[in-house]
Amino acid sequence: MEIIQYFDTLTYLPATYFAYDAAADVINYDDGRLEDANGRLCLLHETAHALLGHVSFEADIELFVMELRAWQKTRELAALFDVAIDQVFVTDCLASYEQWLTARATCPDCANFCLNKTMSTFACWRCGCQWRVNDRRDCAVRRWRIGDSVRSGTQKPA
């Protein structure tokens, strides 16, 4: 594939999905989808993450900003390789991150939108509720209220 050959300093690994693994510095790609324009867009998008040096983030909003920047870089790369941009596809991809972020950051008590305290904990500035969330982005968001006695481990499901 022309894209993979062009970026010969990057490591690409055939898989059943598209993802940039920053820890291993490997771009996983679904070889069966590369004939499709959106499949090539996904490959370019994950390549963009690698080229931009997207390694880690401290807060959910940083992840969303990295996604925006990667899609911006993807547009530049798509022009280089004459890959059509399907704006609906890009919007759907970004919307999935927005939905994930919103599900994590919405207070289970008053529905206020909040920012992370840590990678997996949130606190509402409006009502004082605190909760923790699961870290995975590839499954449903789960939230657990943190009780008044955090040291005792008392937690109520959200």
N, C-alpha and C. Protein backbone atom coordinates (compact mmCIF):
# COMPACT_ATOMS: atom_id res chain seq x y z
N MET A 1 0.85 -1.18 0.00
CA MET A 1 0.00 0.00 0.00
C MET A 1 0.89 1.24 0.00
N GLU A 2 0.54 2.18 -0.82
CA GLU A 2 1.33 3.39 -1.04
C GLU A 2 1.56 4.19 0.26
N ILE A 3 0.52 4.30 1.09
CA ILE A 3 0.64 5.08 2.32
C ILE A 3 1.68 4.46 3.24
N ILE A 4 1.61 3.16 3.43
CA ILE A 4 2.53 2.46 4.32
C ILE A 4 3.96 2.55 3.78
N GLN A 5 4.11 2.43 2.49
CA GLN A 5 5.45 2.52 1.88
C GLN A 5 6.02 3.93 2.02
N TYR A 6 5.17 4.93 1.90
CA TYR A 6 5.61 6.32 1.98
C TYR A 6 6.20 6.64 3.36
N PHE A 7 5.53 6.15 4.39
CA PHE A 7 5.98 6.41 5.77
C PHE A 7 6.81 5.23 6.26
N ASP A 8 7.94 5.02 5.61
CA ASP A 8 8.76 3.84 5.90
C ASP A 8 9.48 3.89 7.24
N THR A 9 9.44 5.04 7.92
CA THR A 9 10.06 5.11 9.25
C THR A 9 9.06 4.75 10.35
N LEU A 10 7.79 4.60 9.99
CA LEU A 10 6.76 4.21 10.95
C LEU A 10 6.54 2.70 10.86
N THR A 11 6.06 2.12 11.94
CA THR A 11 5.79 0.68 11.98
C THR A 11 4.29 0.45 11.87
N TYR A 12 3.91 -0.35 10.90
CA TYR A 12 2.51 -0.70 10.67
C TYR A 12 2.34 -2.20 10.92
N LEU A 13 1.22 -2.56 11.55
CA LEU A 13 0.95 -3.95 11.88
C LEU A 13 -0.47 -4.30 11.46
N PRO A 14 -0.63 -5.30 10.57
CA PRO A 14 -1.99 -5.71 10.19
C PRO A 14 -2.77 -6.19 11.41
N ALA A 15 -4.03 -5.80 11.49
CA ALA A 15 -4.91 -6.16 12.60
C ALA A 15 -6.34 -6.19 12.07
N THR A 16 -7.29 -6.27 12.96
CA THR A 16 -8.70 -6.23 12.56
C THR A 16 -9.33 -4.89 12.92
N TYR A 17 -8.50 -3.90 13.21
CA TYR A 17 -8.96 -2.59 13.64
C TYR A 17 -7.89 -1.55 13.28
N PHE A 18 -8.26 -0.28 13.41
CA PHE A 18 -7.32 0.82 13.21
C PHE A 18 -7.06 1.47 14.57
N ALA A 19 -5.79 1.61 14.93
CA ALA A 19 -5.44 2.28 16.18
C ALA A 19 -3.95 2.56 16.20
N TYR A 20 -3.60 3.69 16.77
CA TYR A 20 -2.19 3.99 17.00
C TYR A 20 -1.87 3.59 18.44
N ASP A 21 -0.95 2.65 18.59
CA ASP A 21 -0.50 2.20 19.91
C ASP A 21 0.76 2.98 20.24
N ALA A 22 0.60 4.06 21.00
CA ALA A 22 1.73 4.94 21.30
C ALA A 22 2.79 4.24 22.14
N ALA A 23 2.37 3.34 23.04
CA ALA A 23 3.33 2.65 23.90
C ALA A 23 4.30 1.80 23.08
N ALA A 24 3.78 1.14 22.06
CA ALA A 24 4.61 0.30 21.19
C ALA A 24 5.09 1.05 19.96
N ASP A 25 4.57 2.25 19.73
CA ASP A 25 4.85 3.05 18.54
C ASP A 25 4.54 2.26 17.27
N VAL A 26 3.32 1.71 17.25
CA VAL A 26 2.86 0.87 16.14
C VAL A 26 1.49 1.35 15.69
N ILE A 27 1.30 1.38 14.39
CA ILE A 27 0.00 1.71 13.81
C ILE A 27 -0.65 0.40 13.39
N ASN A 28 -1.73 0.05 14.07
CA ASN A 28 -2.50 -1.15 13.72
C ASN A 28 -3.50 -0.77 12.64
N TYR A 29 -3.66 -1.63 11.66
CA TYR A 29 -4.59 -1.30 10.59
C TYR A 29 -5.29 -2.56 10.08
N ASP A 30 -6.51 -2.36 9.59
CA ASP A 30 -7.33 -3.43 9.04
C ASP A 30 -7.08 -3.50 7.54
N ASP A 31 -6.24 -4.45 7.16
CA ASP A 31 -5.84 -4.61 5.76
C ASP A 31 -7.05 -4.81 4.83
N GLY A 32 -8.08 -5.46 5.32
CA GLY A 32 -9.27 -5.72 4.52
C GLY A 32 -10.09 -4.49 4.20
N ARG A 33 -9.84 -3.39 4.89
CA ARG A 33 -10.62 -2.17 4.65
C ARG A 33 -9.86 -1.12 3.85
N LEU A 34 -8.64 -1.43 3.41
CA LEU A 34 -7.84 -0.42 2.73
C LEU A 34 -8.29 -0.13 1.30
N GLU A 35 -9.14 -0.96 0.74
CA GLU A 35 -9.69 -0.68 -0.59
C GLU A 35 -10.78 0.38 -0.52
N ASP A 36 -11.34 0.56 0.65
CA ASP A 36 -12.41 1.52 0.89
C ASP A 36 -11.80 2.87 1.27
N ALA A 37 -12.36 3.97 0.75
CA ALA A 37 -11.83 5.31 1.04
C ALA A 37 -11.83 5.60 2.54
N ASN A 38 -12.88 5.20 3.26
CA ASN A 38 -12.91 5.44 4.70
C ASN A 38 -11.88 4.59 5.43
N GLY A 39 -11.58 3.43 4.92
CA GLY A 39 -10.51 2.62 5.49
C GLY A 39 -9.16 3.30 5.33
N ARG A 40 -8.93 3.88 4.15
CA ARG A 40 -7.69 4.63 3.94
C ARG A 40 -7.65 5.88 4.81
N LEU A 41 -8.81 6.51 5.00
CA LEU A 41 -8.87 7.66 5.92
C LEU A 41 -8.48 7.24 7.33
N CYS A 42 -8.96 6.09 7.78
CA CYS A 42 -8.61 5.59 9.11
C CYS A 42 -7.11 5.35 9.21
N LEU A 43 -6.52 4.78 8.18
CA LEU A 43 -5.07 4.55 8.17
C LEU A 43 -4.33 5.89 8.25
N LEU A 44 -4.77 6.85 7.46
CA LEU A 44 -4.15 8.18 7.50
C LEU A 44 -4.34 8.85 8.86
N HIS A 45 -5.51 8.65 9.45
CA HIS A 45 -5.78 9.24 10.76
C HIS A 45 -4.84 8.68 11.83
N GLU A 46 -4.67 7.38 11.86
CA GLU A 46 -3.77 6.77 12.84
C GLU A 46 -2.32 7.16 12.55
N THR A 47 -1.99 7.30 11.28
CA THR A 47 -0.66 7.79 10.90
C THR A 47 -0.47 9.21 11.40
N ALA A 48 -1.52 10.02 11.31
CA ALA A 48 -1.46 11.40 11.80
C ALA A 48 -1.14 11.43 13.29
N HIS A 49 -1.79 10.55 14.06
CA HIS A 49 -1.48 10.49 15.50
C HIS A 49 0.01 10.22 15.72
N ALA A 50 0.57 9.29 14.96
CA ALA A 50 2.00 8.96 15.10
C ALA A 50 2.87 10.14 14.70
N LEU A 51 2.56 10.78 13.60
CA LEU A 51 3.35 11.91 13.12
C LEU A 51 3.29 13.10 14.09
N LEU A 52 2.14 13.27 14.74
CA LEU A 52 1.96 14.38 15.68
C LEU A 52 2.52 14.07 17.07
N GLY A 53 2.99 12.84 17.26
CA GLY A 53 3.56 12.47 18.55
C GLY A 53 2.55 12.35 19.67
N HIS A 54 1.33 11.94 19.35
CA HIS A 54 0.29 11.78 20.36
C HIS A 54 0.59 10.54 21.20
N VAL A 55 1.04 10.79 22.41
CA VAL A 55 1.46 9.69 23.27
C VAL A 55 0.50 9.49 24.44
N SER A 56 0.21 10.55 25.17
CA SER A 56 -0.64 10.42 26.34
C SER A 56 -1.41 11.72 26.57
N PHE A 57 -2.36 11.64 27.48
CA PHE A 57 -3.15 12.81 27.84
C PHE A 57 -3.49 12.73 29.32
N GLU A 58 -3.70 13.87 29.93
CA GLU A 58 -3.99 13.95 31.35
C GLU A 58 -5.50 14.07 31.63
N ALA A 59 -6.22 14.65 30.69
CA ALA A 59 -7.65 14.87 30.88
C ALA A 59 -8.39 14.52 29.59
N ASP A 60 -9.65 14.16 29.76
CA ASP A 60 -10.47 13.75 28.60
C ASP A 60 -10.49 14.80 27.51
N ILE A 61 -10.56 16.07 27.88
CA ILE A 61 -10.63 17.14 26.89
C ILE A 61 -9.36 17.17 26.04
N GLU A 62 -8.23 16.79 26.61
CA GLU A 62 -6.98 16.71 25.85
C GLU A 62 -7.08 15.64 24.77
N LEU A 63 -7.72 14.52 25.10
CA LEU A 63 -7.91 13.46 24.11
C LEU A 63 -8.74 13.98 22.94
N PHE A 64 -9.79 14.72 23.26
CA PHE A 64 -10.65 15.27 22.20
C PHE A 64 -9.87 16.24 21.32
N VAL A 65 -9.04 17.08 21.92
CA VAL A 65 -8.22 18.01 21.15
C VAL A 65 -7.23 17.24 20.27
N MET A 66 -6.65 16.16 20.80
CA MET A 66 -5.75 15.34 19.98
C MET A 66 -6.49 14.76 18.78
N GLU A 67 -7.73 14.34 18.99
CA GLU A 67 -8.52 13.80 17.88
C GLU A 67 -8.77 14.88 16.83
N LEU A 68 -9.11 16.08 17.27
CA LEU A 68 -9.33 17.18 16.32
C LEU A 68 -8.06 17.46 15.51
N ARG A 69 -6.93 17.51 16.20
CA ARG A 69 -5.66 17.78 15.51
C ARG A 69 -5.29 16.65 14.55
N ALA A 70 -5.56 15.43 14.96
CA ALA A 70 -5.26 14.30 14.09
C ALA A 70 -6.14 14.33 12.83
N TRP A 71 -7.40 14.71 12.98
CA TRP A 71 -8.26 14.82 11.80
C TRP A 71 -7.82 15.97 10.90
N GLN A 72 -7.34 17.04 11.49
CA GLN A 72 -6.81 18.15 10.68
C GLN A 72 -5.60 17.66 9.88
N LYS A 73 -4.70 16.94 10.52
CA LYS A 73 -3.53 16.39 9.83
C LYS A 73 -3.96 15.37 8.79
N THR A 74 -5.00 14.60 9.10
CA THR A 74 -5.52 13.61 8.16
C THR A 74 -5.95 14.28 6.86
N ARG A 75 -6.56 15.46 6.98
CA ARG A 75 -6.98 16.20 5.78
C ARG A 75 -5.77 16.54 4.90
N GLU A 76 -4.68 16.95 5.53
CA GLU A 76 -3.45 17.25 4.77
C GLU A 76 -2.92 16.00 4.09
N LEU A 77 -2.89 14.91 4.82
CA LEU A 77 -2.37 13.65 4.27
C LEU A 77 -3.28 13.12 3.17
N ALA A 78 -4.58 13.28 3.34
CA ALA A 78 -5.53 12.81 2.33
C ALA A 78 -5.30 13.53 1.01
N ALA A 79 -5.01 14.81 1.07
CA ALA A 79 -4.72 15.57 -0.16
C ALA A 79 -3.45 15.03 -0.82
N LEU A 80 -2.47 14.67 -0.02
CA LEU A 80 -1.21 14.13 -0.54
C LEU A 80 -1.41 12.81 -1.28
N PHE A 81 -2.33 11.99 -0.76
CA PHE A 81 -2.56 10.66 -1.34
C PHE A 81 -3.85 10.59 -2.16
N ASP A 82 -4.47 11.72 -2.42
CA ASP A 82 -5.69 11.79 -3.22
C ASP A 82 -6.79 10.88 -2.67
N VAL A 83 -6.97 10.94 -1.34
CA VAL A 83 -8.04 10.17 -0.68
C VAL A 83 -9.18 11.14 -0.38
N ALA A 84 -10.37 10.78 -0.81
CA ALA A 84 -11.54 11.63 -0.59
C ALA A 84 -11.90 11.68 0.89
N ILE A 85 -12.27 12.87 1.35
CA ILE A 85 -12.71 13.06 2.73
C ILE A 85 -14.23 12.93 2.77
N ASP A 86 -14.71 11.97 3.53
CA ASP A 86 -16.14 11.80 3.77
C ASP A 86 -16.45 12.54 5.08
N GLN A 87 -16.97 13.76 4.97
CA GLN A 87 -17.18 14.60 6.14
C GLN A 87 -18.15 13.97 7.13
N VAL A 88 -19.13 13.24 6.64
CA VAL A 88 -20.07 12.56 7.54
C VAL A 88 -19.32 11.52 8.37
N PHE A 89 -18.41 10.78 7.74
CA PHE A 89 -17.61 9.79 8.45
C PHE A 89 -16.74 10.45 9.52
N VAL A 90 -16.08 11.54 9.16
CA VAL A 90 -15.22 12.26 10.12
C VAL A 90 -16.07 12.79 11.27
N THR A 91 -17.21 13.37 10.97
CA THR A 91 -18.09 13.90 12.00
C THR A 91 -18.57 12.78 12.93
N ASP A 92 -18.91 11.63 12.37
CA ASP A 92 -19.33 10.49 13.19
C ASP A 92 -18.20 10.01 14.10
N CYS A 93 -16.99 9.98 13.60
CA CYS A 93 -15.84 9.58 14.41
C CYS A 93 -15.64 10.55 15.58
N LEU A 94 -15.69 11.84 15.29
CA LEU A 94 -15.53 12.84 16.35
C LEU A 94 -16.70 12.79 17.33
N ALA A 95 -17.88 12.54 16.83
CA ALA A 95 -19.06 12.46 17.70
C ALA A 95 -18.93 11.31 18.69
N SER A 96 -18.30 10.22 18.29
CA SER A 96 -18.14 9.09 19.21
C SER A 96 -17.27 9.49 20.40
N TYR A 97 -16.23 10.31 20.17
CA TYR A 97 -15.41 10.79 21.27
C TYR A 97 -16.18 11.78 22.14
N GLU A 98 -16.96 12.64 21.50
CA GLU A 98 -17.75 13.61 22.24
C GLU A 98 -18.77 12.90 23.14
N GLN A 99 -19.40 11.85 22.62
CA GLN A 99 -20.37 11.09 23.41
C GLN A 99 -19.69 10.39 24.58
N TRP A 100 -18.50 9.82 24.33
CA TRP A 100 -17.74 9.15 25.39
C TRP A 100 -17.38 10.15 26.49
N LEU A 101 -16.86 11.31 26.07
CA LEU A 101 -16.45 12.34 27.02
C LEU A 101 -17.65 12.83 27.83
N THR A 102 -18.75 13.07 27.17
CA THR A 102 -19.95 13.56 27.84
C THR A 102 -20.50 12.54 28.83
N ALA A 103 -20.49 11.27 28.45
CA ALA A 103 -20.98 10.22 29.35
C ALA A 103 -20.13 10.13 30.61
N ARG A 104 -18.83 10.30 30.47
CA ARG A 104 -17.93 10.25 31.62
C ARG A 104 -18.07 11.48 32.51
N ALA A 105 -18.23 12.64 31.88
CA ALA A 105 -18.12 13.91 32.60
C ALA A 105 -19.44 14.47 33.11
N THR A 106 -20.54 13.82 32.84
CA THR A 106 -21.84 14.33 33.29
C THR A 106 -22.12 13.83 34.70
N CYS A 107 -22.36 14.76 35.59
CA CYS A 107 -22.61 14.42 37.00
C CYS A 107 -23.83 13.50 37.11
N PRO A 108 -23.68 12.38 37.81
CA PRO A 108 -24.82 11.47 37.96
C PRO A 108 -25.92 12.01 38.86
N ASP A 109 -25.64 13.07 39.64
CA ASP A 109 -26.66 13.63 40.53
C ASP A 109 -27.40 14.81 39.92
N CYS A 110 -26.67 15.75 39.30
CA CYS A 110 -27.34 16.98 38.82
C CYS A 110 -27.18 17.20 37.31
N ALA A 111 -26.51 16.28 36.60
CA ALA A 111 -26.32 16.35 35.15
C ALA A 111 -25.47 17.52 34.69
N ASN A 112 -24.69 18.10 35.60
CA ASN A 112 -23.76 19.17 35.24
C ASN A 112 -22.56 18.55 34.51
N PHE A 113 -22.03 19.23 33.51
CA PHE A 113 -20.83 18.76 32.80
C PHE A 113 -19.60 19.19 33.60
N CYS A 114 -18.69 18.25 33.87
CA CYS A 114 -17.52 18.51 34.70
C CYS A 114 -16.25 18.05 33.99
N LEU A 115 -15.11 18.47 34.52
CA LEU A 115 -13.82 18.03 34.00
C LEU A 115 -13.18 17.06 34.98
N ASN A 116 -12.25 16.25 34.47
CA ASN A 116 -11.58 15.26 35.31
C ASN A 116 -10.81 15.91 36.46
N LYS A 117 -10.77 15.20 37.58
CA LYS A 117 -9.83 15.51 38.66
C LYS A 117 -8.56 14.71 38.40
N THR A 118 -8.77 13.43 38.06
CA THR A 118 -7.68 12.54 37.65
C THR A 118 -8.19 11.82 36.40
N MET A 119 -7.40 10.91 35.87
CA MET A 119 -7.82 10.19 34.65
C MET A 119 -9.14 9.46 34.84
N SER A 120 -9.43 9.03 36.06
CA SER A 120 -10.64 8.24 36.24
C SER A 120 -11.59 8.77 37.31
N THR A 121 -11.36 9.98 37.79
CA THR A 121 -12.28 10.54 38.78
C THR A 121 -12.73 11.94 38.38
N PHE A 122 -13.96 12.24 38.80
CA PHE A 122 -14.57 13.53 38.52
C PHE A 122 -15.20 14.06 39.80
N ALA A 123 -15.36 15.37 39.85
CA ALA A 123 -16.08 16.00 40.96
C ALA A 123 -16.90 17.15 40.40
N CYS A 124 -18.13 17.22 40.84
CA CYS A 124 -19.04 18.27 40.36
C CYS A 124 -18.88 19.52 41.21
N TRP A 125 -18.62 20.63 40.58
CA TRP A 125 -18.48 21.89 41.29
C TRP A 125 -19.83 22.43 41.74
N ARG A 126 -20.92 21.95 41.12
CA ARG A 126 -22.25 22.45 41.46
C ARG A 126 -22.82 21.75 42.70
N CYS A 127 -22.83 20.41 42.71
CA CYS A 127 -23.49 19.70 43.80
C CYS A 127 -22.52 18.94 44.71
N GLY A 128 -21.24 18.85 44.32
CA GLY A 128 -20.25 18.20 45.16
C GLY A 128 -20.12 16.70 44.96
N CYS A 129 -20.94 16.12 44.11
CA CYS A 129 -20.86 14.68 43.84
C CYS A 129 -19.48 14.34 43.29
N GLN A 130 -18.97 13.19 43.69
CA GLN A 130 -17.71 12.68 43.13
C GLN A 130 -17.97 11.29 42.57
N TRP A 131 -17.33 10.98 41.45
CA TRP A 131 -17.50 9.66 40.86
C TRP A 131 -16.23 9.24 40.14
N ARG A 132 -16.14 7.93 39.97
CA ARG A 132 -15.03 7.39 39.18
C ARG A 132 -15.63 6.69 37.97
N VAL A 133 -14.81 6.54 36.95
CA VAL A 133 -15.26 5.94 35.70
C VAL A 133 -14.27 4.88 35.24
N ASN A 134 -14.75 3.99 34.37
CA ASN A 134 -13.83 3.04 33.75
C ASN A 134 -12.99 3.79 32.71
N ASP A 135 -11.83 3.27 32.39
CA ASP A 135 -10.89 3.97 31.51
C ASP A 135 -11.01 3.59 30.04
N ARG A 136 -11.66 2.50 29.72
CA ARG A 136 -11.67 2.02 28.34
C ARG A 136 -12.54 2.89 27.45
N ARG A 137 -12.05 3.10 26.22
CA ARG A 137 -12.82 3.89 25.25
C ARG A 137 -13.57 3.00 24.27
N ASP A 138 -13.34 1.69 24.37
CA ASP A 138 -13.95 0.77 23.41
C ASP A 138 -15.14 0.02 24.00
N CYS A 139 -15.65 0.48 25.13
CA CYS A 139 -16.83 -0.15 25.71
C CYS A 139 -17.67 0.93 26.39
N ALA A 140 -18.81 0.53 26.91
CA ALA A 140 -19.72 1.50 27.53
C ALA A 140 -19.08 2.15 28.75
N VAL A 141 -19.40 3.40 28.94
CA VAL A 141 -18.90 4.15 30.10
C VAL A 141 -19.66 3.67 31.33
N ARG A 142 -18.92 3.42 32.40
CA ARG A 142 -19.50 3.05 33.69
C ARG A 142 -19.05 4.10 34.70
N ARG A 143 -19.99 4.51 35.57
CA ARG A 143 -19.67 5.50 36.60
C ARG A 143 -20.07 4.93 37.96
N TRP A 144 -19.26 5.22 38.97
CA TRP A 144 -19.54 4.82 40.33
C TRP A 144 -19.38 6.02 41.24
N ARG A 145 -20.41 6.32 42.02
CA ARG A 145 -20.32 7.42 42.98
C ARG A 145 -19.29 7.06 44.04
N ILE A 146 -18.55 8.05 44.46
CA ILE A 146 -17.60 7.88 45.55
C ILE A 146 -18.28 8.44 46.78
N GLY A 147 -18.41 7.62 47.82
CA GLY A 147 -19.12 8.02 49.03
C GLY A 147 -18.39 9.12 49.79
N ASP A 148 -19.04 9.63 50.79
CA ASP A 148 -18.45 10.69 51.61
C ASP A 148 -17.15 10.23 52.25
N SER A 149 -17.06 8.95 52.53
CA SER A 149 -15.86 8.41 53.16
C SER A 149 -15.03 7.69 52.11
N VAL A 150 -14.26 8.45 51.36
CA VAL A 150 -13.44 7.89 50.29
C VAL A 150 -12.43 6.90 50.87
N ARG A 151 -11.90 7.19 52.06
CA ARG A 151 -10.90 6.32 52.67
C ARG A 151 -11.47 4.95 53.00
N SER A 152 -12.74 4.90 53.33
CA SER A 152 -13.34 3.62 53.69
C SER A 152 -13.72 2.81 52.45
N GLY A 153 -13.67 3.46 51.28
CA GLY A 153 -14.00 2.75 50.05
C GLY A 153 -15.49 2.65 49.79
N THR A 154 -16.30 3.37 50.54
CA THR A 154 -17.74 3.34 50.35
C THR A 154 -18.09 3.94 48.99
N GLN A 155 -18.73 3.16 48.16
CA GLN A 155 -19.10 3.64 46.84
C GLN A 155 -20.51 3.20 46.50
N LYS A 156 -21.25 4.09 45.85
CA LYS A 156 -22.61 3.80 45.43
C LYS A 156 -22.63 3.80 43.90
N PRO A 157 -23.35 2.84 43.29
CA PRO A 157 -23.44 2.88 41.81
C PRO A 157 -24.13 4.13 41.33
N ALA A 158 -23.66 4.65 40.20
CA ALA A 158 -24.23 5.88 39.64
C ALA A 158 -25.48 5.56 38.85
